[in-house]
């Protein structure tokens, strides 16, 4: 077996690929051995004796399969988790969604005349301050105030 490292290196430079991707036709090895200049290699590339293999990419099949399962909530149990609850989710987004839910409920109570405007204002500012962790927490507080909750 002849050493074609020079020819492969020159072909890699011309084809702008790595040496490992350069392929040579085994039936025409004698022609390649005699080619010592870049011009000779260019002619062999044009005639199809030397060519570059297509780059191999990583298969996404396994990733897609796992991604679909994770979208359904599978493979996300306690054993898979590395960070705390706070680090795994955006706390600001959680606050915003909770505050919106509480404010919506508060607005509904005011419109249904379950609470007056003054109570609405007080509770609104408490929601803003983060006093209530959830809707059930707000309802519990309203019951303590003596307001009938629906």
C-alpha atoms as a PDB file:
ATOM      1  CA  UNK A   1       0.000   0.000   0.000  1.00  0.00           C
ATOM      2  CA  UNK A   2       1.491   3.323  -1.062  1.00  0.00           C
ATOM      3  CA  UNK A   3       1.633   6.415   1.141  1.00  0.00           C
ATOM      4  CA  UNK A   4      -0.794   9.005  -0.253  1.00  0.00           C
ATOM      5  CA  UNK A   5      -0.607  11.413   2.698  1.00  0.00           C
ATOM      6  CA  UNK A   6       0.781  14.273   0.563  1.00  0.00           C
ATOM      7  CA  UNK A   7      -1.943  13.851  -2.057  1.00  0.00           C
ATOM      8  CA  UNK A   8      -4.656  13.599   0.607  1.00  0.00           C
ATOM      9  CA  UNK A   9      -3.380  16.752   2.342  1.00  0.00           C
ATOM     10  CA  UNK A  10      -3.292  18.701  -0.919  1.00  0.00           C
ATOM     11  CA  UNK A  11      -6.772  17.450  -1.869  1.00  0.00           C
ATOM     12  CA  UNK A  12      -8.081  18.432   1.581  1.00  0.00           C
ATOM     13  CA  UNK A  13      -6.732  21.963   1.102  1.00  0.00           C
ATOM     14  CA  UNK A  14      -8.310  22.259  -2.355  1.00  0.00           C
ATOM     15  CA  UNK A  15     -11.659  20.754  -1.330  1.00  0.00           C
ATOM     16  CA  UNK A  16     -11.643  22.735   1.960  1.00  0.00           C
ATOM     17  CA  UNK A  17     -12.384  19.657   4.074  1.00  0.00           C
ATOM     18  CA  UNK A  18     -10.466  17.598   6.629  1.00  0.00           C
ATOM     19  CA  UNK A  19      -8.012  14.914   5.481  1.00  0.00           C
ATOM     20  CA  UNK A  20     -10.277  12.177   6.871  1.00  0.00           C
ATOM     21  CA  UNK A  21     -13.042  13.148   4.419  1.00  0.00           C
ATOM     22  CA  UNK A  22     -10.838  12.827   1.299  1.00  0.00           C
ATOM     23  CA  UNK A  23     -11.551   9.649  -0.697  1.00  0.00           C
ATOM     24  CA  UNK A  24      -9.540   8.186  -3.575  1.00  0.00           C
ATOM     25  CA  UNK A  25     -10.739   5.741  -6.224  1.00  0.00           C
ATOM     26  CA  UNK A  26      -8.828   2.475  -5.493  1.00  0.00           C
ATOM     27  CA  UNK A  27      -8.725   1.569  -9.196  1.00  0.00           C
ATOM     28  CA  UNK A  28      -6.789   4.760 -10.044  1.00  0.00           C
ATOM     29  CA  UNK A  29      -4.208   4.805  -7.227  1.00  0.00           C
ATOM     30  CA  UNK A  30      -1.290   4.841  -9.719  1.00  0.00           C
ATOM     31  CA  UNK A  31      -2.529   8.153 -11.174  1.00  0.00           C
ATOM     32  CA  UNK A  32      -2.811   9.642  -7.690  1.00  0.00           C
ATOM     33  CA  UNK A  33       0.713   8.469  -6.740  1.00  0.00           C
ATOM     34  CA  UNK A  34       2.188  10.335  -9.705  1.00  0.00           C
ATOM     35  CA  UNK A  35       0.339  13.562  -8.837  1.00  0.00           C
ATOM     36  CA  UNK A  36       2.681  15.731  -6.756  1.00  0.00           C
ATOM     37  CA  UNK A  37       1.394  19.269  -7.322  1.00  0.00           C
ATOM     38  CA  UNK A  38      -1.861  21.021  -6.475  1.00  0.00           C
ATOM     39  CA  UNK A  39      -2.557  21.400 -10.190  1.00  0.00           C
ATOM     40  CA  UNK A  40      -2.302  17.610 -10.682  1.00  0.00           C
ATOM     41  CA  UNK A  41      -4.637  17.036  -7.736  1.00  0.00           C
ATOM     42  CA  UNK A  42      -7.150  19.587  -9.132  1.00  0.00           C
ATOM     43  CA  UNK A  43      -7.260  17.641 -12.421  1.00  0.00           C
ATOM     44  CA  UNK A  44      -7.883  14.374 -10.542  1.00  0.00           C
ATOM     45  CA  UNK A  45     -10.686  16.032  -8.544  1.00  0.00           C
ATOM     46  CA  UNK A  46     -12.295  17.287 -11.791  1.00  0.00           C
ATOM     47  CA  UNK A  47     -12.076  13.804 -13.337  1.00  0.00           C
ATOM     48  CA  UNK A  48     -13.693  12.259 -10.219  1.00  0.00           C
ATOM     49  CA  UNK A  49     -10.710  10.191  -9.018  1.00  0.00           C
ATOM     50  CA  UNK A  50     -10.528  12.165  -5.760  1.00  0.00           C
ATOM     51  CA  UNK A  51     -13.632  13.453  -3.951  1.00  0.00           C
ATOM     52  CA  UNK A  52     -14.780  14.633  -0.533  1.00  0.00           C
ATOM     53  CA  UNK A  53     -17.120  12.458   1.468  1.00  0.00           C
ATOM     54  CA  UNK A  54     -20.229  14.164   2.803  1.00  0.00           C
ATOM     55  CA  UNK A  55     -19.962  15.354   6.406  1.00  0.00           C
ATOM     56  CA  UNK A  56     -21.694  13.172   8.952  1.00  0.00           C
ATOM     57  CA  UNK A  57     -24.106  14.852  11.351  1.00  0.00           C
ATOM     58  CA  UNK A  58     -25.458  13.669  14.668  1.00  0.00           C
ATOM     59  CA  UNK A  59     -28.721  11.758  14.508  1.00  0.00           C
ATOM     60  CA  UNK A  60     -31.595  13.618  16.186  1.00  0.00           C
ATOM     61  CA  UNK A  61     -33.897  10.572  16.238  1.00  0.00           C
ATOM     62  CA  UNK A  62     -33.260   9.567  19.845  1.00  0.00           C
ATOM     63  CA  UNK A  63     -33.409  13.198  20.995  1.00  0.00           C
ATOM     64  CA  UNK A  64     -36.778  13.758  19.269  1.00  0.00           C
ATOM     65  CA  UNK A  65     -38.210  10.641  20.897  1.00  0.00           C
ATOM     66  CA  UNK A  66     -37.117  11.726  24.389  1.00  0.00           C
ATOM     67  CA  UNK A  67     -38.227  15.311  23.752  1.00  0.00           C
ATOM     68  CA  UNK A  68     -41.767  14.152  22.905  1.00  0.00           C
ATOM     69  CA  UNK A  69     -41.918  12.137  26.148  1.00  0.00           C
ATOM     70  CA  UNK A  70     -40.620  15.074  28.189  1.00  0.00           C
ATOM     71  CA  UNK A  71     -43.256  17.355  26.642  1.00  0.00           C
ATOM     72  CA  UNK A  72     -45.852  14.921  28.016  1.00  0.00           C
ATOM     73  CA  UNK A  73     -44.208  15.149  31.446  1.00  0.00           C
ATOM     74  CA  UNK A  74     -42.466  11.775  31.369  1.00  0.00           C
ATOM     75  CA  UNK A  75     -38.830  11.368  32.486  1.00  0.00           C
ATOM     76  CA  UNK A  76     -39.052  14.440  34.711  1.00  0.00           C
ATOM     77  CA  UNK A  77     -39.320  12.789  38.124  1.00  0.00           C
ATOM     78  CA  UNK A  78     -37.368  13.555  41.300  1.00  0.00           C
ATOM     79  CA  UNK A  79     -34.445  11.362  40.244  1.00  0.00           C
ATOM     80  CA  UNK A  80     -33.852  13.478  37.137  1.00  0.00           C
ATOM     81  CA  UNK A  81     -33.836  16.861  38.860  1.00  0.00           C
ATOM     82  CA  UNK A  82     -30.560  18.609  39.662  1.00  0.00           C
ATOM     83  CA  UNK A  83     -31.584  22.125  40.694  1.00  0.00           C
ATOM     84  CA  UNK A  84     -34.009  23.384  43.320  1.00  0.00           C
ATOM     85  CA  UNK A  85     -37.581  24.281  42.389  1.00  0.00           C
ATOM     86  CA  UNK A  86     -36.608  27.954  42.262  1.00  0.00           C
ATOM     87  CA  UNK A  87     -33.632  27.373  39.969  1.00  0.00           C
ATOM     88  CA  UNK A  88     -35.633  25.167  37.593  1.00  0.00           C
ATOM     89  CA  UNK A  89     -38.423  27.691  37.017  1.00  0.00           C
ATOM     90  CA  UNK A  90     -38.516  31.428  36.497  1.00  0.00           C
ATOM     91  CA  UNK A  91     -39.781  32.891  39.777  1.00  0.00           C
ATOM     92  CA  UNK A  92     -40.821  36.131  38.094  1.00  0.00           C
ATOM     93  CA  UNK A  93     -43.097  34.267  35.667  1.00  0.00           C
ATOM     94  CA  UNK A  94     -44.621  32.330  38.581  1.00  0.00           C
ATOM     95  CA  UNK A  95     -45.271  35.572  40.480  1.00  0.00           C
ATOM     96  CA  UNK A  96     -46.847  37.236  37.431  1.00  0.00           C
ATOM     97  CA  UNK A  97     -49.207  34.328  36.693  1.00  0.00           C
ATOM     98  CA  UNK A  98     -50.216  33.998  40.356  1.00  0.00           C
ATOM     99  CA  UNK A  99     -50.792  37.753  40.728  1.00  0.00           C
ATOM    100  CA  UNK A 100     -52.900  37.842  37.556  1.00  0.00           C
ATOM    101  CA  UNK A 101     -55.051  34.973  38.790  1.00  0.00           C
ATOM    102  CA  UNK A 102     -55.576  36.602  42.194  1.00  0.00           C
ATOM    103  CA  UNK A 103     -56.335  40.018  40.673  1.00  0.00           C
ATOM    104  CA  UNK A 104     -58.830  38.461  38.270  1.00  0.00           C
ATOM    105  CA  UNK A 105     -60.617  36.786  41.179  1.00  0.00           C
ATOM    106  CA  UNK A 106     -60.531  39.992  43.226  1.00  0.00           C
ATOM    107  CA  UNK A 107     -62.008  41.975  40.312  1.00  0.00           C
ATOM    108  CA  UNK A 108     -64.778  39.379  39.994  1.00  0.00           C
ATOM    109  CA  UNK A 109     -65.568  39.652  43.731  1.00  0.00           C
ATOM    110  CA  UNK A 110     -65.768  43.461  43.438  1.00  0.00           C
ATOM    111  CA  UNK A 111     -68.003  43.330  40.318  1.00  0.00           C
ATOM    112  CA  UNK A 112     -70.316  40.800  42.006  1.00  0.00           C
ATOM    113  CA  UNK A 113     -70.441  43.154  45.023  1.00  0.00           C
ATOM    114  CA  UNK A 114     -69.117  40.515  47.411  1.00  0.00           C
ATOM    115  CA  UNK A 115     -66.474  43.011  48.584  1.00  0.00           C
ATOM    116  CA  UNK A 116     -66.528  46.822  48.584  1.00  0.00           C
ATOM    117  CA  UNK A 117     -64.014  49.090  46.813  1.00  0.00           C
ATOM    118  CA  UNK A 118     -62.039  49.788  49.976  1.00  0.00           C
ATOM    119  CA  UNK A 119     -61.520  46.087  50.744  1.00  0.00           C
ATOM    120  CA  UNK A 120     -60.660  45.534  47.075  1.00  0.00           C
ATOM    121  CA  UNK A 121     -57.895  48.210  47.284  1.00  0.00           C
ATOM    122  CA  UNK A 122     -56.444  46.755  50.504  1.00  0.00           C
ATOM    123  CA  UNK A 123     -56.389  43.210  49.128  1.00  0.00           C
ATOM    124  CA  UNK A 124     -55.012  44.401  45.778  1.00  0.00           C
ATOM    125  CA  UNK A 125     -52.011  46.004  47.478  1.00  0.00           C
ATOM    126  CA  UNK A 126     -51.482  42.860  49.578  1.00  0.00           C
ATOM    127  CA  UNK A 127     -51.444  40.751  46.413  1.00  0.00           C
ATOM    128  CA  UNK A 128     -48.839  43.133  44.991  1.00  0.00           C
ATOM    129  CA  UNK A 129     -46.783  42.691  48.149  1.00  0.00           C
ATOM    130  CA  UNK A 130     -46.824  38.921  47.744  1.00  0.00           C
ATOM    131  CA  UNK A 131     -48.870  38.183  50.843  1.00  0.00           C
ATOM    132  CA  UNK A 132     -50.854  35.376  49.203  1.00  0.00           C
ATOM    133  CA  UNK A 133     -49.145  32.298  47.800  1.00  0.00           C
ATOM    134  CA  UNK A 134     -52.181  31.015  45.906  1.00  0.00           C
ATOM    135  CA  UNK A 135     -55.873  31.517  45.227  1.00  0.00           C
ATOM    136  CA  UNK A 136     -56.798  29.145  48.062  1.00  0.00           C
ATOM    137  CA  UNK A 137     -54.599  31.230  50.393  1.00  0.00           C
ATOM    138  CA  UNK A 138     -56.518  34.375  49.383  1.00  0.00           C
ATOM    139  CA  UNK A 139     -59.857  32.594  49.906  1.00  0.00           C
ATOM    140  CA  UNK A 140     -58.702  31.435  53.357  1.00  0.00           C
ATOM    141  CA  UNK A 141     -57.850  35.040  54.234  1.00  0.00           C
ATOM    142  CA  UNK A 142     -61.270  36.267  53.015  1.00  0.00           C
ATOM    143  CA  UNK A 143     -63.026  33.676  55.207  1.00  0.00           C
ATOM    144  CA  UNK A 144     -60.996  34.925  58.197  1.00  0.00           C
ATOM    145  CA  UNK A 145     -62.210  38.467  57.401  1.00  0.00           C
ATOM    146  CA  UNK A 146     -65.773  37.146  57.487  1.00  0.00           C
ATOM    147  CA  UNK A 147     -66.434  37.463  53.759  1.00  0.00           C
ATOM    148  CA  UNK A 148     -68.497  34.716  52.143  1.00  0.00           C
ATOM    149  CA  UNK A 149     -66.407  33.222  49.345  1.00  0.00           C
ATOM    150  CA  UNK A 150     -67.889  31.654  46.233  1.00  0.00           C
END
